[in-house]
PDB file of N, CA and C in Angstrom:
ATOM      1  N   MET A   1     -11.299  18.710   1.812  1.00  0.00           N
ATOM      2  CA  MET A   1     -12.298  18.640   0.835  1.00  0.00           C
ATOM      3  C   MET A   1     -13.314  17.816   0.667  1.00  0.00           C
ATOM      4  N   ALA A   2     -13.432  16.803   1.128  1.00  0.00           N
ATOM      5  CA  ALA A   2     -14.471  15.946   1.300  1.00  0.00           C
ATOM      6  C   ALA A   2     -15.472  16.345   1.785  1.00  0.00           C
ATOM      7  N   SER A   3     -15.407  16.674   3.197  1.00  0.00           N
ATOM      8  CA  SER A   3     -16.389  17.474   3.841  1.00  0.00           C
ATOM      9  C   SER A   3     -17.026  18.278   3.204  1.00  0.00           C
ATOM     10  N   LYS A   4     -16.537  19.383   2.411  1.00  0.00           N
ATOM     11  CA  LYS A   4     -17.021  20.304   1.226  1.00  0.00           C
ATOM     12  C   LYS A   4     -17.966  19.648   0.775  1.00  0.00           C
ATOM     13  N   ILE A   5     -17.165  18.802   0.253  1.00  0.00           N
ATOM     14  CA  ILE A   5     -18.390  18.133  -1.287  1.00  0.00           C
ATOM     15  C   ILE A   5     -19.374  17.320  -1.071  1.00  0.00           C
ATOM     16  N   LEU A   6     -18.961  16.555   0.187  1.00  0.00           N
ATOM     17  CA  LEU A   6     -20.179  15.680   1.076  1.00  0.00           C
ATOM     18  C   LEU A   6     -21.711  16.566   1.513  1.00  0.00           C
ATOM     19  N   LYS A   7     -20.434  17.823   2.206  1.00  0.00           N
ATOM     20  CA  LYS A   7     -21.602  18.966   2.572  1.00  0.00           C
ATOM     21  C   LYS A   7     -22.873  19.365   1.911  1.00  0.00           C
ATOM     22  N   GLU A   8     -22.025  19.507   0.175  1.00  0.00           N
ATOM     23  CA  GLU A   8     -22.996  19.677  -1.060  1.00  0.00           C
ATOM     24  C   GLU A   8     -24.225  19.182  -1.480  1.00  0.00           C
ATOM     25  N   ILE A   9     -23.704  17.979  -0.856  1.00  0.00           N
ATOM     26  CA  ILE A   9     -24.416  17.021  -1.549  1.00  0.00           C
ATOM     27  C   ILE A   9     -25.269  16.627  -0.380  1.00  0.00           C
ATOM     28  N   ASN A  10     -25.319  17.074   0.686  1.00  0.00           N
ATOM     29  CA  ASN A  10     -26.148  16.768   1.738  1.00  0.00           C
ATOM     30  C   ASN A  10     -26.440  15.792   2.321  1.00  0.00           C
ATOM     31  N   TYR A  11     -24.747  15.214   2.892  1.00  0.00           N
ATOM     32  CA  TYR A  11     -24.625  14.677   3.876  1.00  0.00           C
ATOM     33  C   TYR A  11     -24.815  14.827   5.577  1.00  0.00           C
ATOM     34  N   SER A  12     -25.449  14.556   6.063  1.00  0.00           N
ATOM     35  CA  SER A  12     -24.901  14.837   7.271  1.00  0.00           C
ATOM     36  C   SER A  12     -23.501  14.862   8.200  1.00  0.00           C
ATOM     37  N   LEU A  13     -23.495  15.775   9.056  1.00  0.00           N
ATOM     38  CA  LEU A  13     -22.316  16.352  10.141  1.00  0.00           C
ATOM     39  C   LEU A  13     -21.822  14.623   9.993  1.00  0.00           C
ATOM     40  N   GLU A  14     -22.448  13.949  10.737  1.00  0.00           N
ATOM     41  CA  GLU A  14     -22.228  12.723  11.622  1.00  0.00           C
ATOM     42  C   GLU A  14     -21.572  11.841  10.441  1.00  0.00           C
ATOM     43  N   LYS A  15     -22.191  11.568   9.074  1.00  0.00           N
ATOM     44  CA  LYS A  15     -21.359  10.683   8.163  1.00  0.00           C
ATOM     45  C   LYS A  15     -20.175  11.690   7.533  1.00  0.00           C
ATOM     46  N   ARG A  16     -19.931  13.138   7.506  1.00  0.00           N
ATOM     47  CA  ARG A  16     -19.401  13.361   6.850  1.00  0.00           C
ATOM     48  C   ARG A  16     -18.026  13.653   7.999  1.00  0.00           C
ATOM     49  N   GLU A  17     -18.200  13.650   9.046  1.00  0.00           N
ATOM     50  CA  GLU A  17     -17.310  13.427   9.855  1.00  0.00           C
ATOM     51  C   GLU A  17     -16.550  11.839  10.273  1.00  0.00           C
ATOM     52  N   LYS A  18     -17.463  10.993   9.603  1.00  0.00           N
ATOM     53  CA  LYS A  18     -17.124   9.966   9.911  1.00  0.00           C
ATOM     54  C   LYS A  18     -16.255   9.434   8.774  1.00  0.00           C
ATOM     55  N   ILE A  19     -16.460   9.779   7.407  1.00  0.00           N
ATOM     56  CA  ILE A  19     -16.043   9.740   6.022  1.00  0.00           C
ATOM     57  C   ILE A  19     -14.381  10.486   6.132  1.00  0.00           C
ATOM     58  N   VAL A  20     -14.569  11.984   6.419  1.00  0.00           N
ATOM     59  CA  VAL A  20     -13.151  12.600   6.919  1.00  0.00           C
ATOM     60  C   VAL A  20     -12.171  11.356   7.726  1.00  0.00           C
ATOM     61  N   LYS A  21     -12.466  10.976   8.879  1.00  0.00           N
ATOM     62  CA  LYS A  21     -11.662  10.499   9.421  1.00  0.00           C
ATOM     63  C   LYS A  21     -11.179   9.118   8.780  1.00  0.00           C
ATOM     64  N   ILE A  22     -11.882   8.482   8.256  1.00  0.00           N
ATOM     65  CA  ILE A  22     -11.593   7.479   7.471  1.00  0.00           C
ATOM     66  C   ILE A  22     -10.638   7.788   6.067  1.00  0.00           C
ATOM     67  N   ILE A  23     -10.707   8.605   5.523  1.00  0.00           N
ATOM     68  CA  ILE A  23      -9.799   9.568   4.845  1.00  0.00           C
ATOM     69  C   ILE A  23      -8.435   9.569   5.356  1.00  0.00           C
ATOM     70  N   LEU A  24      -8.531  10.531   6.439  1.00  0.00           N
ATOM     71  CA  LEU A  24      -7.478  10.849   6.977  1.00  0.00           C
ATOM     72  C   LEU A  24      -6.573   9.920   7.767  1.00  0.00           C
ATOM     73  N   ARG A  25      -7.275   8.725   8.098  1.00  0.00           N
ATOM     74  CA  ARG A  25      -6.242   7.549   8.759  1.00  0.00           C
ATOM     75  C   ARG A  25      -5.936   6.610   7.966  1.00  0.00           C
ATOM     76  N   HIS A  26      -6.088   6.929   6.600  1.00  0.00           N
ATOM     77  CA  HIS A  26      -5.420   5.774   5.560  1.00  0.00           C
ATOM     78  C   HIS A  26      -4.075   5.835   5.385  1.00  0.00           C
ATOM     79  N   PRO A  27      -3.273   6.359   6.153  1.00  0.00           N
ATOM     80  CA  PRO A  27      -1.335   5.811   5.417  1.00  0.00           C
ATOM     81  C   PRO A  27      -0.955   5.090   6.550  1.00  0.00           C
ATOM     82  N   ILE A  28       0.017   4.482   6.024  1.00  0.00           N
ATOM     83  CA  ILE A  28       0.459   3.289   6.719  1.00  0.00           C
ATOM     84  C   ILE A  28       0.634   3.297   7.687  1.00  0.00           C
ATOM     85  N   ASP A  29       1.291   4.307   8.556  1.00  0.00           N
ATOM     86  CA  ASP A  29       2.019   4.839   9.535  1.00  0.00           C
ATOM     87  C   ASP A  29       0.737   5.211  10.875  1.00  0.00           C
ATOM     88  N   LEU A  30      -0.417   5.503  10.067  1.00  0.00           N
ATOM     89  CA  LEU A  30      -1.375   5.318  10.993  1.00  0.00           C
ATOM     90  C   LEU A  30      -2.502   3.992  11.517  1.00  0.00           C
ATOM     91  N   ARG A  31      -1.780   2.951  10.602  1.00  0.00           N
ATOM     92  CA  ARG A  31      -2.433   1.968  10.934  1.00  0.00           C
ATOM     93  C   ARG A  31      -3.354   1.482  12.830  1.00  0.00           C
ATOM     94  N   ASP A  32      -1.998   1.267  13.442  1.00  0.00           N
ATOM     95  CA  ASP A  32      -2.506   1.435  14.837  1.00  0.00           C
ATOM     96  C   ASP A  32      -3.479   2.475  15.062  1.00  0.00           C
ATOM     97  N   LYS A  33      -3.908   3.594  14.828  1.00  0.00           N
ATOM     98  CA  LYS A  33      -4.998   4.425  15.149  1.00  0.00           C
ATOM     99  C   LYS A  33      -6.281   4.125  14.984  1.00  0.00           C
ATOM    100  N   LEU A  34      -6.394   2.514  13.785  1.00  0.00           N
ATOM    101  CA  LEU A  34      -7.752   2.726  13.128  1.00  0.00           C
ATOM    102  C   LEU A  34      -8.641   2.204  14.290  1.00  0.00           C
ATOM    103  N   GLU A  35      -9.843   3.045  14.438  1.00  0.00           N
ATOM    104  CA  GLU A  35     -11.066   1.793  14.701  1.00  0.00           C
ATOM    105  C   GLU A  35     -11.897   1.577  14.385  1.00  0.00           C
ATOM    106  N   THR A  36     -12.889   1.655  13.350  1.00  0.00           N
ATOM    107  CA  THR A  36     -13.654   1.408  13.001  1.00  0.00           C
ATOM    108  C   THR A  36     -13.371   0.169  11.779  1.00  0.00           C
ATOM    109  N   ILE A  37     -14.957  -0.820  12.044  1.00  0.00           N
ATOM    110  CA  ILE A  37     -14.444  -1.868  10.644  1.00  0.00           C
ATOM    111  C   ILE A  37     -14.345  -1.309   9.142  1.00  0.00           C
ATOM    112  N   GLU A  38     -14.912   0.226   8.392  1.00  0.00           N
ATOM    113  CA  GLU A  38     -14.851   1.032   7.622  1.00  0.00           C
ATOM    114  C   GLU A  38     -13.520   1.511   7.175  1.00  0.00           C
ATOM    115  N   GLU A  39     -12.702   2.105   8.835  1.00  0.00           N
ATOM    116  CA  GLU A  39     -11.852   2.384   8.718  1.00  0.00           C
ATOM    117  C   GLU A  39     -10.720   1.142   7.901  1.00  0.00           C
ATOM    118  N   LYS A  40     -10.853   0.288   8.840  1.00  0.00           N
ATOM    119  CA  LYS A  40      -9.684  -1.137   8.418  1.00  0.00           C
ATOM    120  C   LYS A  40     -10.123  -1.209   6.575  1.00  0.00           C
ATOM    121  N   ILE A  41     -11.049  -1.133   6.494  1.00  0.00           N
ATOM    122  CA  ILE A  41     -11.577  -1.657   5.127  1.00  0.00           C
ATOM    123  C   ILE A  41     -10.883  -0.753   3.502  1.00  0.00           C
ATOM    124  N   VAL A  42     -11.282   0.293   4.412  1.00  0.00           N
ATOM    125  CA  VAL A  42     -10.272   1.192   3.444  1.00  0.00           C
ATOM    126  C   VAL A  42      -9.012   1.363   3.165  1.00  0.00           C
ATOM    127  N   TRP A  43      -8.798   1.261   4.764  1.00  0.00           N
ATOM    128  CA  TRP A  43      -6.939   1.279   5.076  1.00  0.00           C
ATOM    129  C   TRP A  43      -6.165  -0.173   4.167  1.00  0.00           C
ATOM    130  N   ASP A  44      -6.856  -1.341   3.808  1.00  0.00           N
ATOM    131  CA  ASP A  44      -6.309  -2.468   3.585  1.00  0.00           C
ATOM    132  C   ASP A  44      -6.936  -2.255   1.771  1.00  0.00           C
ATOM    133  N   ALA A  45      -7.598  -1.629   1.606  1.00  0.00           N
ATOM    134  CA  ALA A  45      -7.955  -1.671  -0.043  1.00  0.00           C
ATOM    135  C   ALA A  45      -7.052  -0.886  -0.720  1.00  0.00           C
ATOM    136  N   ASP A  46      -6.317   0.357   0.257  1.00  0.00           N
ATOM    137  CA  ASP A  46      -5.424   1.244  -0.017  1.00  0.00           C
ATOM    138  C   ASP A  46      -3.854   0.628  -0.371  1.00  0.00           C
ATOM    139  N   LYS A  47      -3.519  -0.610   0.626  1.00  0.00           N
ATOM    140  CA  LYS A  47      -2.234  -0.830   0.899  1.00  0.00           C
ATOM    141  C   LYS A  47      -2.315  -2.523  -0.265  1.00  0.00           C
ATOM    142  N   ILE A  48      -3.717  -2.917  -0.649  1.00  0.00           N
ATOM    143  CA  ILE A  48      -4.105  -4.161  -1.166  1.00  0.00           C
ATOM    144  C   ILE A  48      -3.138  -3.193  -3.057  1.00  0.00           C
ATOM    145  N   ASP A  49      -3.582  -2.033  -3.158  1.00  0.00           N
ATOM    146  CA  ASP A  49      -3.265  -1.200  -4.329  1.00  0.00           C
ATOM    147  C   ASP A  49      -1.502  -1.066  -4.405  1.00  0.00           C
ATOM    148  N   LEU A  50      -1.277  -1.413  -3.360  1.00  0.00           N
ATOM    149  CA  LEU A  50       0.304  -0.973  -3.305  1.00  0.00           C
ATOM    150  C   LEU A  50       1.045  -2.281  -3.797  1.00  0.00           C
ATOM    151  N   LEU A  51       0.285  -3.460  -3.792  1.00  0.00           N
ATOM    152  CA  LEU A  51       1.025  -5.134  -4.257  1.00  0.00           C
ATOM    153  C   LEU A  51       1.062  -5.737  -5.395  1.00  0.00           C
ATOM    154  N   GLY A  52       1.651  -6.019  -6.241  1.00  0.00           N
ATOM    155  CA  GLY A  52       1.806  -6.407  -6.852  1.00  0.00           C
ATOM    156  C   GLY A  52       2.696  -5.319  -7.951  1.00  0.00           C
ATOM    157  N   VAL A  53       2.041  -6.116  -9.858  1.00  0.00           N
ATOM    158  CA  VAL A  53       3.097  -5.520 -10.411  1.00  0.00           C
ATOM    159  C   VAL A  53       2.760  -4.154 -10.502  1.00  0.00           C
ATOM    160  N   ILE A  54       1.205  -3.606 -10.485  1.00  0.00           N
ATOM    161  CA  ILE A  54       1.217  -2.170 -10.382  1.00  0.00           C
ATOM    162  C   ILE A  54       1.507  -1.482  -9.053  1.00  0.00           C
ATOM    163  N   GLY A  55       1.599  -2.165  -7.887  1.00  0.00           N
ATOM    164  CA  GLY A  55       2.591  -1.267  -7.057  1.00  0.00           C
ATOM    165  C   GLY A  55       4.110  -0.884  -6.877  1.00  0.00           C
ATOM    166  N   ILE A  56       4.417  -2.100  -7.414  1.00  0.00           N
ATOM    167  CA  ILE A  56       6.051  -1.891  -7.621  1.00  0.00           C
ATOM    168  C   ILE A  56       6.216  -0.791  -8.592  1.00  0.00           C
ATOM    169  N   VAL A  57       5.630  -0.886  -9.688  1.00  0.00           N
ATOM    170  CA  VAL A  57       5.700  -0.142 -10.757  1.00  0.00           C
ATOM    171  C   VAL A  57       5.593   1.455 -10.506  1.00  0.00           C
ATOM    172  N   ARG A  58       4.659   1.443  -9.566  1.00  0.00           N
ATOM    173  CA  ARG A  58       4.145   2.618  -9.089  1.00  0.00           C
ATOM    174  C   ARG A  58       4.978   3.389  -7.981  1.00  0.00           C
ATOM    175  N   THR A  59       5.464   2.803  -7.588  1.00  0.00           N
ATOM    176  CA  THR A  59       6.715   2.737  -6.261  1.00  0.00           C
ATOM    177  C   THR A  59       7.623   3.905  -6.798  1.00  0.00           C
ATOM    178  N   PHE A  60       8.237   3.755  -8.526  1.00  0.00           N
ATOM    179  CA  PHE A  60       9.331   3.556  -8.684  1.00  0.00           C
ATOM    180  C   PHE A  60       8.771   4.636  -9.513  1.00  0.00           C
ATOM    181  N   HIS A  61       7.888   4.562 -10.370  1.00  0.00           N
ATOM    182  CA  HIS A  61       6.802   6.050 -10.737  1.00  0.00           C
ATOM    183  C   HIS A  61       6.879   6.923  -9.896  1.00  0.00           C
ATOM    184  N   TRP A  62       6.567   7.018  -8.439  1.00  0.00           N
ATOM    185  CA  TRP A  62       6.619   7.945  -7.768  1.00  0.00           C
ATOM    186  C   TRP A  62       7.832   8.594  -7.487  1.00  0.00           C
ATOM    187  N   LEU A  63       8.784   7.842  -7.246  1.00  0.00           N
ATOM    188  CA  LEU A  63      10.297   8.220  -6.549  1.00  0.00           C
ATOM    189  C   LEU A  63      10.819   8.412  -7.883  1.00  0.00           C
ATOM    190  N   GLY A  64      10.315   8.270  -9.093  1.00  0.00           N
ATOM    191  CA  GLY A  64      11.097   8.371 -10.406  1.00  0.00           C
ATOM    192  C   GLY A  64      12.546   9.410 -10.454  1.00  0.00           C
ATOM    193  N   ASN A  65      12.876  10.393  -9.732  1.00  0.00           N
ATOM    194  CA  ASN A  65      13.793  11.463  -9.702  1.00  0.00           C
ATOM    195  C   ASN A  65      14.768  10.849  -8.830  1.00  0.00           C
ATOM    196  N   ALA A  66      14.137  10.019  -8.029  1.00  0.00           N
ATOM    197  CA  ALA A  66      15.429   9.411  -6.894  1.00  0.00           C
ATOM    198  C   ALA A  66      16.597   8.673  -7.702  1.00  0.00           C
ATOM    199  N   PRO A  67      17.855   8.075  -6.879  1.00  0.00           N
ATOM    200  CA  PRO A  67      18.856   7.426  -7.652  1.00  0.00           C
ATOM    201  C   PRO A  67      17.844   6.016  -7.389  1.00  0.00           C
ATOM    202  N   PHE A  68      18.302   5.098  -8.285  1.00  0.00           N
ATOM    203  CA  PHE A  68      17.820   3.700  -8.307  1.00  0.00           C
ATOM    204  C   PHE A  68      17.699   2.810  -7.346  1.00  0.00           C
ATOM    205  N   ASP A  69      18.979   2.838  -6.972  1.00  0.00           N
ATOM    206  CA  ASP A  69      19.396   1.940  -5.961  1.00  0.00           C
ATOM    207  C   ASP A  69      18.291   2.455  -4.608  1.00  0.00           C
ATOM    208  N   ALA A  70      18.022   3.901  -4.407  1.00  0.00           N
ATOM    209  CA  ALA A  70      17.120   4.279  -3.401  1.00  0.00           C
ATOM    210  C   ALA A  70      15.905   3.927  -3.257  1.00  0.00           C
ATOM    211  N   VAL A  71      15.027   3.827  -4.561  1.00  0.00           N
ATOM    212  CA  VAL A  71      13.982   3.664  -5.232  1.00  0.00           C
ATOM    213  C   VAL A  71      13.921   2.018  -4.799  1.00  0.00           C
ATOM    214  N   ALA A  72      14.803   1.172  -5.501  1.00  0.00           N
ATOM    215  CA  ALA A  72      14.562  -0.234  -5.231  1.00  0.00           C
ATOM    216  C   ALA A  72      15.088  -0.183  -3.470  1.00  0.00           C
ATOM    217  N   ASN A  73      15.770   0.573  -2.798  1.00  0.00           N
ATOM    218  CA  ASN A  73      15.653  -0.201  -1.477  1.00  0.00           C
ATOM    219  C   ASN A  73      14.456   0.354  -0.608  1.00  0.00           C
ATOM    220  N   ARG A  74      13.863   1.274  -1.574  1.00  0.00           N
ATOM    221  CA  ARG A  74      12.520   1.683  -0.677  1.00  0.00           C
ATOM    222  C   ARG A  74      11.258   0.436  -0.996  1.00  0.00           C
ATOM    223  N   SER A  75      11.302  -0.158  -2.449  1.00  0.00           N
ATOM    224  CA  SER A  75      10.377  -1.097  -2.390  1.00  0.00           C
ATOM    225  C   SER A  75      10.549  -2.198  -1.650  1.00  0.00           C
ATOM    226  N   PHE A  76      12.297  -2.450  -1.242  1.00  0.00           N
ATOM    227  CA  PHE A  76      12.032  -3.233  -0.402  1.00  0.00           C
ATOM    228  C   PHE A  76      11.428  -3.275   0.959  1.00  0.00           C
ATOM    229  N   LYS A  77      11.748  -2.190   1.467  1.00  0.00           N
ATOM    230  CA  LYS A  77      11.482  -1.686   2.769  1.00  0.00           C
ATOM    231  C   LYS A  77       9.900  -1.049   2.989  1.00  0.00           C
ATOM    232  N   GLU A  78       9.140  -0.591   2.078  1.00  0.00           N
ATOM    233  CA  GLU A  78       7.513  -0.811   1.942  1.00  0.00           C
ATOM    234  C   GLU A  78       6.766  -2.148   1.710  1.00  0.00           C
ATOM    235  N   LEU A  79       7.666  -2.222   0.807  1.00  0.00           N
ATOM    236  CA  LEU A  79       6.078  -3.439  -0.403  1.00  0.00           C
ATOM    237  C   LEU A  79       5.992  -4.571   0.681  1.00  0.00           C
ATOM    238  N   GLU A  80       7.441  -5.542   0.931  1.00  0.00           N
ATOM    239  CA  GLU A  80       7.270  -6.357   1.782  1.00  0.00           C
ATOM    240  C   GLU A  80       6.637  -6.601   2.212  1.00  0.00           C
ATOM    241  N   PRO A  81       6.496  -5.793   3.737  1.00  0.00           N
ATOM    242  CA  PRO A  81       6.029  -5.891   4.823  1.00  0.00           C
ATOM    243  C   PRO A  81       4.289  -5.788   4.920  1.00  0.00           C
ATOM    244  N   ILE A  82       3.800  -5.043   3.969  1.00  0.00           N
ATOM    245  CA  ILE A  82       2.143  -4.626   3.373  1.00  0.00           C
ATOM    246  C   ILE A  82       1.014  -6.095   3.939  1.00  0.00           C
ATOM    247  N   TYR A  83       1.276  -6.927   3.446  1.00  0.00           N
ATOM    248  CA  TYR A  83       0.477  -7.714   3.553  1.00  0.00           C
ATOM    249  C   TYR A  83       0.090  -8.290   4.970  1.00  0.00           C
ATOM    250  N   PRO A  84       1.164  -8.536   5.720  1.00  0.00           N
ATOM    251  CA  PRO A  84       1.005  -9.451   7.033  1.00  0.00           C
ATOM    252  C   PRO A  84       0.032  -7.915   7.858  1.00  0.00           C
ATOM    253  N   LEU A  85       0.212  -6.891   7.214  1.00  0.00           N
ATOM    254  CA  LEU A  85      -0.019  -5.679   8.195  1.00  0.00           C
ATOM    255  C   LEU A  85      -1.654  -5.555   7.655  1.00  0.00           C
ATOM    256  N   LEU A  86      -2.433  -6.493   6.786  1.00  0.00           N
ATOM    257  CA  LEU A  86      -3.659  -6.046   6.841  1.00  0.00           C
ATOM    258  C   LEU A  86      -4.840  -6.673   7.965  1.00  0.00           C
ATOM    259  N   ASN A  87      -5.857  -5.341   8.143  1.00  0.00           N
ATOM    260  CA  ASN A  87      -6.847  -5.591   9.091  1.00  0.00           C
ATOM    261  C   ASN A  87      -7.719  -6.867   8.833  1.00  0.00           C
ATOM    262  N   THR A  88      -8.300  -6.985   7.549  1.00  0.00           N
ATOM    263  CA  THR A  88      -9.104  -8.435   7.268  1.00  0.00           C
ATOM    264  C   THR A  88      -8.372  -9.973   6.670  1.00  0.00           C
ATOM    265  N   ALA A  89      -9.489 -10.476   7.288  1.00  0.00           N
ATOM    266  CA  ALA A  89      -9.547 -11.621   6.491  1.00  0.00           C
ATOM    267  C   ALA A  89      -9.896 -11.933   4.815  1.00  0.00           C
ATOM    268  N   THR A  90     -10.639 -10.755   4.707  1.00  0.00           N
ATOM    269  CA  THR A  90     -11.359 -10.719   3.447  1.00  0.00           C
ATOM    270  C   THR A  90     -10.271  -9.939   2.359  1.00  0.00           C
ATOM    271  N   ALA A  91      -9.510  -9.179   3.085  1.00  0.00           N
ATOM    272  CA  ALA A  91      -8.206  -8.307   2.329  1.00  0.00           C
ATOM    273  C   ALA A  91      -7.458  -9.339   2.040  1.00  0.00           C
ATOM    274  N   LYS A  92      -6.777 -10.218   2.901  1.00  0.00           N
ATOM    275  CA  LYS A  92      -6.056 -11.452   2.871  1.00  0.00           C
ATOM    276  C   LYS A  92      -6.253 -12.002   1.848  1.00  0.00           C
ATOM    277  N   LYS A  93      -7.089 -12.364   1.800  1.00  0.00           N
ATOM    278  CA  LYS A  93      -7.422 -13.630   0.546  1.00  0.00           C
ATOM    279  C   LYS A  93      -7.691 -12.445  -0.324  1.00  0.00           C
ATOM    280  N   ILE A  94      -7.954 -11.393  -0.825  1.00  0.00           N
ATOM    281  CA  ILE A  94      -8.182 -10.747  -2.288  1.00  0.00           C
ATOM    282  C   ILE A  94      -6.583 -10.337  -2.002  1.00  0.00           C
ATOM    283  N   ALA A  95      -5.719 -10.256  -1.185  1.00  0.00           N
ATOM    284  CA  ALA A  95      -4.506  -9.608  -1.282  1.00  0.00           C
ATOM    285  C   ALA A  95      -3.372 -10.458  -1.697  1.00  0.00           C
ATOM    286  N   LYS A  96      -3.414 -12.067  -2.055  1.00  0.00           N
ATOM    287  CA  LYS A  96      -2.377 -13.119  -1.357  1.00  0.00           C
ATOM    288  C   LYS A  96      -1.670 -13.326  -2.653  1.00  0.00           C
ATOM    289  N   ARG A  97      -2.654 -13.024  -3.861  1.00  0.00           N
ATOM    290  CA  ARG A  97      -1.825 -13.464  -5.316  1.00  0.00           C
ATOM    291  C   ARG A  97      -0.795 -11.871  -5.348  1.00  0.00           C
ATOM    292  N   ARG A  98      -1.612 -11.036  -4.971  1.00  0.00           N
ATOM    293  CA  ARG A  98      -0.226 -10.010  -5.024  1.00  0.00           C
ATOM    294  C   ARG A  98       1.066  -9.736  -4.729  1.00  0.00           C
ATOM    295  N   HIS A  99       0.617 -10.412  -3.210  1.00  0.00           N
ATOM    296  CA  HIS A  99       1.325  -9.769  -2.018  1.00  0.00           C
ATOM    297  C   HIS A  99       2.803 -11.259  -2.590  1.00  0.00           C
ATOM    298  N   ASP A 100       2.210 -12.226  -3.207  1.00  0.00           N
ATOM    299  CA  ASP A 100       2.926 -13.356  -3.477  1.00  0.00           C
ATOM    300  C   ASP A 100       4.038 -12.579  -5.157  1.00  0.00           C
ATOM    301  N   GLU A 101       2.953 -12.399  -5.850  1.00  0.00           N
ATOM    302  CA  GLU A 101       4.108 -11.838  -7.026  1.00  0.00           C
ATOM    303  C   GLU A 101       4.788 -10.097  -6.418  1.00  0.00           C
ATOM    304  N   THR A 102       4.651  -9.652  -5.354  1.00  0.00           N
ATOM    305  CA  THR A 102       5.413  -8.241  -4.745  1.00  0.00           C
ATOM    306  C   THR A 102       6.962  -9.003  -4.769  1.00  0.00           C
ATOM    307  N   LEU A 103       6.377 -10.437  -3.814  1.00  0.00           N
ATOM    308  CA  LEU A 103       7.452 -11.327  -3.012  1.00  0.00           C
ATOM    309  C   LEU A 103       8.809 -11.513  -4.453  1.00  0.00           C
ATOM    310  N   THR A 104       7.889 -12.031  -5.175  1.00  0.00           N
ATOM    311  CA  THR A 104       8.628 -12.388  -6.410  1.00  0.00           C
ATOM    312  C   THR A 104       9.560 -11.623  -7.084  1.00  0.00           C
ATOM    313  N   LEU A 105       8.867 -10.960  -7.845  1.00  0.00           N
ATOM    314  CA  LEU A 105       9.248  -9.612  -8.237  1.00  0.00           C
ATOM    315  C   LEU A 105      10.516  -8.634  -7.397  1.00  0.00           C
ATOM    316  N   LEU A 106      10.255  -8.575  -6.241  1.00  0.00           N
ATOM    317  CA  LEU A 106      11.400  -8.163  -5.225  1.00  0.00           C
ATOM    318  C   LEU A 106      12.662  -8.759  -5.101  1.00  0.00           C
ATOM    319  N   SER A 107      12.529 -10.595  -5.057  1.00  0.00           N
ATOM    320  CA  SER A 107      13.692 -11.027  -4.658  1.00  0.00           C
ATOM    321  C   SER A 107      13.941 -11.233  -6.079  1.00  0.00           C
ATOM    322  N   ALA A 108      13.559 -11.677  -7.408  1.00  0.00           N
ATOM    323  CA  ALA A 108      14.255 -10.983  -8.577  1.00  0.00           C
ATOM    324  C   ALA A 108      15.165 -10.084  -8.643  1.00  0.00           C
ATOM    325  N   LEU A 109      14.798  -8.681  -8.482  1.00  0.00           N
ATOM    326  CA  LEU A 109      15.204  -7.623  -8.396  1.00  0.00           C
ATOM    327  C   LEU A 109      16.721  -7.351  -7.345  1.00  0.00           C
ATOM    328  N   GLU A 110      16.552  -8.164  -6.450  1.00  0.00           N
ATOM    329  CA  GLU A 110      17.614  -8.349  -5.057  1.00  0.00           C
ATOM    330  C   GLU A 110      18.449  -8.813  -5.664  1.00  0.00           C
ATOM    331  N   LYS A 111      18.198 -10.659  -6.495  1.00  0.00           N
ATOM    332  CA  LYS A 111      19.327 -10.877  -7.267  1.00  0.00           C
ATOM    333  C   LYS A 111      20.074 -10.300  -8.382  1.00  0.00           C
ATOM    334  N   GLU A 112      19.167  -9.764  -9.080  1.00  0.00           N
ATOM    335  CA  GLU A 112      19.916  -9.067 -10.159  1.00  0.00           C
ATOM    336  C   GLU A 112      20.882  -7.476  -9.885  1.00  0.00           C
ATOM    337  N   LEU A 113      20.405  -7.163  -8.828  1.00  0.00           N
ATOM    338  CA  LEU A 113      21.055  -6.067  -8.575  1.00  0.00           C
ATOM    339  C   LEU A 113      22.327  -6.527  -7.514  1.00  0.00           C
ATOM    340  N   SER A 114      22.346  -7.443  -7.337  1.00  0.00           N
ATOM    341  CA  SER A 114      23.420  -8.209  -6.547  1.00  0.00           C
ATOM    342  C   SER A 114      24.191  -9.081  -7.640  1.00  0.00           C
ATOM    343  N   LEU A 115      23.590  -9.275  -8.660  1.00  0.00           N
ATOM    344  CA  LEU A 115      24.429 -10.305  -9.572  1.00  0.00           C
ATOM    345  C   LEU A 115      24.605 -11.330  -9.412  1.00  0.00           C
ATOM    346  N   LYS A 116      23.336 -11.812  -8.375  1.00  0.00           N
ATOM    347  CA  LYS A 116      23.530 -13.334  -8.017  1.00  0.00           C
ATOM    348  C   LYS A 116      22.674 -13.760  -9.212  1.00  0.00           C
ATOM    349  N   ASP A 117      22.005 -13.474 -10.361  1.00  0.00           N
ATOM    350  CA  ASP A 117      21.519 -14.079 -11.246  1.00  0.00           C
ATOM    351  C   ASP A 117      22.450 -14.641 -12.362  1.00  0.00           C
ATOM    352  N   LEU A 118      23.638 -14.152 -12.685  1.00  0.00           N
ATOM    353  CA  LEU A 118      24.561 -14.197 -13.319  1.00  0.00           C
ATOM    354  C   LEU A 118      25.238 -15.556 -13.272  1.00  0.00           C
ATOM    355  N   ASP A 119      24.886 -15.943 -11.728  1.00  0.00           N
ATOM    356  CA  ASP A 119      26.135 -17.198 -11.711  1.00  0.00           C
ATOM    357  C   ASP A 119      27.487 -17.084 -11.562  1.00  0.00           C
ATOM    358  N   LEU A 120      27.814 -16.174 -11.664  1.00  0.00           N
ATOM    359  CA  LEU A 120      29.352 -16.073 -11.504  1.00  0.00           C
ATOM    360  C   LEU A 120      30.385 -16.997 -11.026  1.00  0.00           C
ATOM    361  N   THR A 121      29.817 -17.877 -10.091  1.00  0.00           N
ATOM    362  CA  THR A 121      30.606 -18.153  -9.211  1.00  0.00           C
ATOM    363  C   THR A 121      31.110 -19.778  -9.664  1.00  0.00           C
TER     364      THR A 121
END
């Protein structure tokens, strides 16, 4: 779809191919396939958007029909390891606060799910 739109607004074939490649390589599991700085920047921006309060809420929203425990477990599995995967120093600087918030929220969620927050001992 992007190629078609870009063609309609007279982007060169070379630029269209570059942009389409960036779009196609943004999924988290394609991180090792990133070749250009542009691909890395878009990948990082997309992953930063998964962090923080909005990222956690978005994860629960996307998986809203799944059982609560499954959504919580997926949040731990997918959100916690994002920050170390960022490609650029700038992305890490931008994402640090959201990463810290993500870890704090996930830690609180884990404590509540295990009832450790109630200090029943």
